[in-house]
Amino acid sequence: MKTLNTALAVLVLASSSVAYAAVDFASFDGNGDGVISMEEAKVNPQLVKIFDDLDADGNGEISKEEFSKVQ
């Protein structure tokens, strides 16, 4: 069930990204350090919902590679 919820959240995030001019990794990485922190993710409620699922290594940040799962 968690996988289904994550998949649905990813689809919603991806579709909302299209609606907002193809939001990409850089648009969430506000400070340009190469990762998305939870604080940076808060600009998008859908990203916050799936943050922990995307953070595969559990370090509290989403890398470009981890973020690529939503694209």
PDB file of N, CA and C in Angstrom:
ATOM      1  N   MET A   1       0.822  -1.191   0.000  1.00  0.00           N
ATOM      2  CA  MET A   1       0.000   0.000   0.000  1.00  0.00           C
ATOM      3  C   MET A   1       0.867   1.256   0.000  1.00  0.00           C
ATOM      4  N   LYS A   2       1.991   1.223   0.765  1.00  0.00           N
ATOM      5  CA  LYS A   2       2.890   2.371   0.801  1.00  0.00           C
ATOM      6  C   LYS A   2       3.442   2.658  -0.592  1.00  0.00           C
ATOM      7  N   THR A   3       3.762   1.604  -1.338  1.00  0.00           N
ATOM      8  CA  THR A   3       4.279   1.780  -2.697  1.00  0.00           C
ATOM      9  C   THR A   3       3.238   2.431  -3.582  1.00  0.00           C
ATOM     10  N   LEU A   4       1.990   2.035  -3.447  1.00  0.00           N
ATOM     11  CA  LEU A   4       0.908   2.627  -4.228  1.00  0.00           C
ATOM     12  C   LEU A   4       0.741   4.099  -3.873  1.00  0.00           C
ATOM     13  N   ASN A   5       0.744   4.423  -2.592  1.00  0.00           N
ATOM     14  CA  ASN A   5       0.623   5.818  -2.165  1.00  0.00           C
ATOM     15  C   ASN A   5       1.778   6.657  -2.682  1.00  0.00           C
ATOM     16  N   THR A   6       2.982   6.112  -2.619  1.00  0.00           N
ATOM     17  CA  THR A   6       4.153   6.824  -3.129  1.00  0.00           C
ATOM     18  C   THR A   6       4.033   7.039  -4.627  1.00  0.00           C
ATOM     19  N   ALA A   7       3.620   6.021  -5.339  1.00  0.00           N
ATOM     20  CA  ALA A   7       3.467   6.138  -6.791  1.00  0.00           C
ATOM     21  C   ALA A   7       2.438   7.213  -7.136  1.00  0.00           C
ATOM     22  N   LEU A   8       1.343   7.236  -6.414  1.00  0.00           N
ATOM     23  CA  LEU A   8       0.325   8.258  -6.662  1.00  0.00           C
ATOM     24  C   LEU A   8       0.853   9.654  -6.352  1.00  0.00           C
ATOM     25  N   ALA A   9       1.587   9.793  -5.267  1.00  0.00           N
ATOM     26  CA  ALA A   9       2.153  11.089  -4.910  1.00  0.00           C
ATOM     27  C   ALA A   9       3.168  11.546  -5.948  1.00  0.00           C
ATOM     28  N   VAL A  10       3.957  10.612  -6.465  1.00  0.00           N
ATOM     29  CA  VAL A  10       4.923  10.937  -7.515  1.00  0.00           C
ATOM     30  C   VAL A  10       4.204  11.421  -8.760  1.00  0.00           C
ATOM     31  N   LEU A  11       3.115  10.751  -9.113  1.00  0.00           N
ATOM     32  CA  LEU A  11       2.340  11.174 -10.278  1.00  0.00           C
ATOM     33  C   LEU A  11       1.753  12.571 -10.077  1.00  0.00           C
ATOM     34  N   VAL A  12       1.255  12.845  -8.899  1.00  0.00           N
ATOM     35  CA  VAL A  12       0.695  14.167  -8.618  1.00  0.00           C
ATOM     36  C   VAL A  12       1.785  15.224  -8.681  1.00  0.00           C
ATOM     37  N   LEU A  13       2.950  14.924  -8.094  1.00  0.00           N
ATOM     38  CA  LEU A  13       4.057  15.878  -8.129  1.00  0.00           C
ATOM     39  C   LEU A  13       4.497  16.119  -9.567  1.00  0.00           C
ATOM     40  N   ALA A  14       4.610  15.066 -10.339  1.00  0.00           N
ATOM     41  CA  ALA A  14       5.026  15.206 -11.735  1.00  0.00           C
ATOM     42  C   ALA A  14       4.006  16.003 -12.529  1.00  0.00           C
ATOM     43  N   SER A  15       2.732  15.728 -12.318  1.00  0.00           N
ATOM     44  CA  SER A  15       1.714  16.461 -13.064  1.00  0.00           C
ATOM     45  C   SER A  15       1.639  17.913 -12.617  1.00  0.00           C
ATOM     46  N   SER A  16       1.851  18.170 -11.326  1.00  0.00           N
ATOM     47  CA  SER A  16       1.867  19.560 -10.866  1.00  0.00           C
ATOM     48  C   SER A  16       3.096  20.264 -11.414  1.00  0.00           C
ATOM     49  N   SER A  17       4.168  19.536 -11.599  1.00  0.00           N
ATOM     50  CA  SER A  17       5.375  20.116 -12.177  1.00  0.00           C
ATOM     51  C   SER A  17       5.121  20.580 -13.597  1.00  0.00           C
ATOM     52  N   VAL A  18       4.393  19.793 -14.368  1.00  0.00           N
ATOM     53  CA  VAL A  18       4.060  20.178 -15.732  1.00  0.00           C
ATOM     54  C   VAL A  18       3.209  21.437 -15.720  1.00  0.00           C
ATOM     55  N   ALA A  19       2.284  21.487 -14.794  1.00  0.00           N
ATOM     56  CA  ALA A  19       1.401  22.647 -14.700  1.00  0.00           C
ATOM     57  C   ALA A  19       2.164  23.922 -14.334  1.00  0.00           C
ATOM     58  N   TYR A  20       3.266  23.771 -13.657  1.00  0.00           N
ATOM     59  CA  TYR A  20       4.052  24.937 -13.257  1.00  0.00           C
ATOM     60  C   TYR A  20       5.349  25.034 -14.050  1.00  0.00           C
ATOM     61  N   ALA A  21       5.237  24.879 -15.346  1.00  0.00           N
ATOM     62  CA  ALA A  21       6.362  25.064 -16.267  1.00  0.00           C
ATOM     63  C   ALA A  21       7.526  24.122 -15.992  1.00  0.00           C
ATOM     64  N   ALA A  22       7.223  22.855 -15.910  1.00  0.00           N
ATOM     65  CA  ALA A  22       8.255  21.821 -15.790  1.00  0.00           C
ATOM     66  C   ALA A  22       9.250  22.102 -14.657  1.00  0.00           C
ATOM     67  N   VAL A  23       8.760  22.106 -13.445  1.00  0.00           N
ATOM     68  CA  VAL A  23       9.611  22.304 -12.284  1.00  0.00           C
ATOM     69  C   VAL A  23      10.653  21.192 -12.255  1.00  0.00           C
ATOM     70  N   ASP A  24      11.899  21.571 -12.077  1.00  0.00           N
ATOM     71  CA  ASP A  24      12.964  20.580 -12.043  1.00  0.00           C
ATOM     72  C   ASP A  24      13.725  20.650 -10.714  1.00  0.00           C
ATOM     73  N   PHE A  25      14.733  19.813 -10.582  1.00  0.00           N
ATOM     74  CA  PHE A  25      15.509  19.726  -9.353  1.00  0.00           C
ATOM     75  C   PHE A  25      16.005  21.094  -8.899  1.00  0.00           C
ATOM     76  N   ALA A  26      16.563  21.852  -9.822  1.00  0.00           N
ATOM     77  CA  ALA A  26      17.148  23.154  -9.487  1.00  0.00           C
ATOM     78  C   ALA A  26      16.121  24.124  -8.904  1.00  0.00           C
ATOM     79  N   SER A  27      14.878  23.980  -9.304  1.00  0.00           N
ATOM     80  CA  SER A  27      13.853  24.893  -8.784  1.00  0.00           C
ATOM     81  C   SER A  27      13.552  24.626  -7.312  1.00  0.00           C
ATOM     82  N   PHE A  28      13.838  23.422  -6.827  1.00  0.00           N
ATOM     83  CA  PHE A  28      13.651  23.101  -5.410  1.00  0.00           C
ATOM     84  C   PHE A  28      14.924  23.329  -4.603  1.00  0.00           C
ATOM     85  N   ASP A  29      16.088  23.217  -5.248  1.00  0.00           N
ATOM     86  CA  ASP A  29      17.371  23.386  -4.572  1.00  0.00           C
ATOM     87  C   ASP A  29      17.668  24.881  -4.461  1.00  0.00           C
ATOM     88  N   GLY A  30      16.989  25.522  -3.535  1.00  0.00           N
ATOM     89  CA  GLY A  30      17.036  26.971  -3.411  1.00  0.00           C
ATOM     90  C   GLY A  30      18.416  27.557  -3.155  1.00  0.00           C
ATOM     91  N   ASN A  31      19.256  26.856  -2.402  1.00  0.00           N
ATOM     92  CA  ASN A  31      20.574  27.406  -2.083  1.00  0.00           C
ATOM     93  C   ASN A  31      21.667  26.881  -3.013  1.00  0.00           C
ATOM     94  N   GLY A  32      21.285  26.032  -3.963  1.00  0.00           N
ATOM     95  CA  GLY A  32      22.232  25.547  -4.967  1.00  0.00           C
ATOM     96  C   GLY A  32      23.321  24.628  -4.455  1.00  0.00           C
ATOM     97  N   ASP A  33      23.068  23.936  -3.333  1.00  0.00           N
ATOM     98  CA  ASP A  33      24.101  23.054  -2.791  1.00  0.00           C
ATOM     99  C   ASP A  33      24.062  21.632  -3.342  1.00  0.00           C
ATOM    100  N   GLY A  34      23.166  21.387  -4.301  1.00  0.00           N
ATOM    101  CA  GLY A  34      23.122  20.074  -4.945  1.00  0.00           C
ATOM    102  C   GLY A  34      22.211  19.063  -4.298  1.00  0.00           C
ATOM    103  N   VAL A  35      21.508  19.454  -3.243  1.00  0.00           N
ATOM    104  CA  VAL A  35      20.535  18.577  -2.589  1.00  0.00           C
ATOM    105  C   VAL A  35      19.311  19.402  -2.197  1.00  0.00           C
ATOM    106  N   ILE A  36      18.196  18.711  -1.989  1.00  0.00           N
ATOM    107  CA  ILE A  36      16.966  19.355  -1.530  1.00  0.00           C
ATOM    108  C   ILE A  36      16.759  18.968  -0.070  1.00  0.00           C
ATOM    109  N   SER A  37      16.765  19.945   0.794  1.00  0.00           N
ATOM    110  CA  SER A  37      16.505  19.701   2.215  1.00  0.00           C
ATOM    111  C   SER A  37      14.989  19.698   2.437  1.00  0.00           C
ATOM    112  N   MET A  38      14.564  19.263   3.596  1.00  0.00           N
ATOM    113  CA  MET A  38      13.144  19.295   3.924  1.00  0.00           C
ATOM    114  C   MET A  38      12.642  20.741   3.903  1.00  0.00           C
ATOM    115  N   GLU A  39      13.444  21.657   4.377  1.00  0.00           N
ATOM    116  CA  GLU A  39      13.053  23.072   4.382  1.00  0.00           C
ATOM    117  C   GLU A  39      12.791  23.551   2.951  1.00  0.00           C
ATOM    118  N   GLU A  40      13.663  23.178   2.024  1.00  0.00           N
ATOM    119  CA  GLU A  40      13.485  23.573   0.628  1.00  0.00           C
ATOM    120  C   GLU A  40      12.273  22.875   0.011  1.00  0.00           C
ATOM    121  N   ALA A  41      12.028  21.635   0.411  1.00  0.00           N
ATOM    122  CA  ALA A  41      10.909  20.863  -0.130  1.00  0.00           C
ATOM    123  C   ALA A  41       9.558  21.453   0.267  1.00  0.00           C
ATOM    124  N   LYS A  42       9.510  22.199   1.346  1.00  0.00           N
ATOM    125  CA  LYS A  42       8.245  22.727   1.867  1.00  0.00           C
ATOM    126  C   LYS A  42       7.531  23.669   0.901  1.00  0.00           C
ATOM    127  N   VAL A  43       8.176  24.068  -0.184  1.00  0.00           N
ATOM    128  CA  VAL A  43       7.497  24.909  -1.172  1.00  0.00           C
ATOM    129  C   VAL A  43       6.473  24.106  -1.973  1.00  0.00           C
ATOM    130  N   ASN A  44       6.537  22.765  -1.862  1.00  0.00           N
ATOM    131  CA  ASN A  44       5.614  21.901  -2.588  1.00  0.00           C
ATOM    132  C   ASN A  44       5.079  20.820  -1.645  1.00  0.00           C
ATOM    133  N   PRO A  45       3.803  20.898  -1.257  1.00  0.00           N
ATOM    134  CA  PRO A  45       3.242  19.923  -0.311  1.00  0.00           C
ATOM    135  C   PRO A  45       3.362  18.467  -0.779  1.00  0.00           C
ATOM    136  N   GLN A  46       3.275  18.231  -2.072  1.00  0.00           N
ATOM    137  CA  GLN A  46       3.401  16.861  -2.573  1.00  0.00           C
ATOM    138  C   GLN A  46       4.815  16.336  -2.369  1.00  0.00           C
ATOM    139  N   LEU A  47       5.809  17.187  -2.560  1.00  0.00           N
ATOM    140  CA  LEU A  47       7.196  16.769  -2.349  1.00  0.00           C
ATOM    141  C   LEU A  47       7.432  16.458  -0.872  1.00  0.00           C
ATOM    142  N   VAL A  48       6.835  17.238   0.013  1.00  0.00           N
ATOM    143  CA  VAL A  48       6.957  16.975   1.450  1.00  0.00           C
ATOM    144  C   VAL A  48       6.376  15.596   1.774  1.00  0.00           C
ATOM    145  N   LYS A  49       5.240  15.266   1.174  1.00  0.00           N
ATOM    146  CA  LYS A  49       4.581  13.976   1.446  1.00  0.00           C
ATOM    147  C   LYS A  49       5.460  12.792   1.068  1.00  0.00           C
ATOM    148  N   ILE A  50       6.221  12.909  -0.007  1.00  0.00           N
ATOM    149  CA  ILE A  50       7.028  11.769  -0.466  1.00  0.00           C
ATOM    150  C   ILE A  50       8.512  11.929  -0.162  1.00  0.00           C
ATOM    151  N   PHE A  51       8.852  12.968   0.600  1.00  0.00           N
ATOM    152  CA  PHE A  51      10.253  13.265   0.897  1.00  0.00           C
ATOM    153  C   PHE A  51      10.985  12.039   1.438  1.00  0.00           C
ATOM    154  N   ASP A  52      10.445  11.409   2.472  1.00  0.00           N
ATOM    155  CA  ASP A  52      11.117  10.267   3.094  1.00  0.00           C
ATOM    156  C   ASP A  52      11.260   9.088   2.141  1.00  0.00           C
ATOM    157  N   ASP A  53      10.286   8.911   1.249  1.00  0.00           N
ATOM    158  CA  ASP A  53      10.376   7.820   0.277  1.00  0.00           C
ATOM    159  C   ASP A  53      11.458   8.101  -0.763  1.00  0.00           C
ATOM    160  N   LEU A  54      11.597   9.354  -1.162  1.00  0.00           N
ATOM    161  CA  LEU A  54      12.619   9.712  -2.145  1.00  0.00           C
ATOM    162  C   LEU A  54      14.015   9.714  -1.524  1.00  0.00           C
ATOM    163  N   ASP A  55      14.107  10.018  -0.257  1.00  0.00           N
ATOM    164  CA  ASP A  55      15.394  10.055   0.444  1.00  0.00           C
ATOM    165  C   ASP A  55      15.847   8.627   0.731  1.00  0.00           C
ATOM    166  N   ALA A  56      16.285   7.946  -0.320  1.00  0.00           N
ATOM    167  CA  ALA A  56      16.597   6.515  -0.246  1.00  0.00           C
ATOM    168  C   ALA A  56      17.687   6.180   0.769  1.00  0.00           C
ATOM    169  N   ASP A  57      18.679   7.054   0.919  1.00  0.00           N
ATOM    170  CA  ASP A  57      19.761   6.756   1.856  1.00  0.00           C
ATOM    171  C   ASP A  57      19.496   7.278   3.270  1.00  0.00           C
ATOM    172  N   GLY A  58      18.358   7.940   3.459  1.00  0.00           N
ATOM    173  CA  GLY A  58      17.944   8.382   4.781  1.00  0.00           C
ATOM    174  C   GLY A  58      18.808   9.456   5.411  1.00  0.00           C
ATOM    175  N   ASN A  59      19.483  10.265   4.584  1.00  0.00           N
ATOM    176  CA  ASN A  59      20.364  11.294   5.139  1.00  0.00           C
ATOM    177  C   ASN A  59      19.671  12.641   5.358  1.00  0.00           C
ATOM    178  N   GLY A  60      18.362  12.694   5.116  1.00  0.00           N
ATOM    179  CA  GLY A  60      17.618  13.929   5.347  1.00  0.00           C
ATOM    180  C   GLY A  60      17.670  14.914   4.196  1.00  0.00           C
ATOM    181  N   GLU A  61      18.200  14.472   3.063  1.00  0.00           N
ATOM    182  CA  GLU A  61      18.291  15.307   1.874  1.00  0.00           C
ATOM    183  C   GLU A  61      17.962  14.467   0.640  1.00  0.00           C
ATOM    184  N   ILE A  62      17.461  15.132  -0.389  1.00  0.00           N
ATOM    185  CA  ILE A  62      17.180  14.437  -1.645  1.00  0.00           C
ATOM    186  C   ILE A  62      18.222  14.877  -2.667  1.00  0.00           C
ATOM    187  N   SER A  63      18.960  13.909  -3.179  1.00  0.00           N
ATOM    188  CA  SER A  63      19.966  14.188  -4.205  1.00  0.00           C
ATOM    189  C   SER A  63      19.302  14.253  -5.576  1.00  0.00           C
ATOM    190  N   LYS A  64      20.053  14.690  -6.578  1.00  0.00           N
ATOM    191  CA  LYS A  64      19.528  14.709  -7.941  1.00  0.00           C
ATOM    192  C   LYS A  64      19.108  13.309  -8.370  1.00  0.00           C
ATOM    193  N   GLU A  65      19.922  12.333  -8.020  1.00  0.00           N
ATOM    194  CA  GLU A  65      19.620  10.945  -8.387  1.00  0.00           C
ATOM    195  C   GLU A  65      18.327  10.477  -7.732  1.00  0.00           C
ATOM    196  N   GLU A  66      18.154  10.779  -6.457  1.00  0.00           N
ATOM    197  CA  GLU A  66      16.930  10.385  -5.752  1.00  0.00           C
ATOM    198  C   GLU A  66      15.724  11.126  -6.334  1.00  0.00           C
ATOM    199  N   PHE A  67      15.894  12.411  -6.654  1.00  0.00           N
ATOM    200  CA  PHE A  67      14.801  13.214  -7.203  1.00  0.00           C
ATOM    201  C   PHE A  67      14.388  12.716  -8.583  1.00  0.00           C
ATOM    202  N   SER A  68      15.311  12.123  -9.311  1.00  0.00           N
ATOM    203  CA  SER A  68      15.001  11.674 -10.675  1.00  0.00           C
ATOM    204  C   SER A  68      13.866  10.638 -10.708  1.00  0.00           C
ATOM    205  N   LYS A  69      13.518  10.059  -9.573  1.00  0.00           N
ATOM    206  CA  LYS A  69      12.412   9.105  -9.511  1.00  0.00           C
ATOM    207  C   LYS A  69      11.068   9.747  -9.848  1.00  0.00           C
ATOM    208  N   VAL A  70      10.960  11.069  -9.694  1.00  0.00           N
ATOM    209  CA  VAL A  70       9.678  11.739  -9.965  1.00  0.00           C
ATOM    210  C   VAL A  70       9.594  12.263 -11.392  1.00  0.00           C
ATOM    211  N   GLN A  71      10.645  12.135 -12.135  1.00  0.00           N
ATOM    212  CA  GLN A  71      10.634  12.675 -13.497  1.00  0.00           C
ATOM    213  C   GLN A  71      10.475  11.581 -14.515  1.00  0.00           C
TER     214      GLN A  71
END
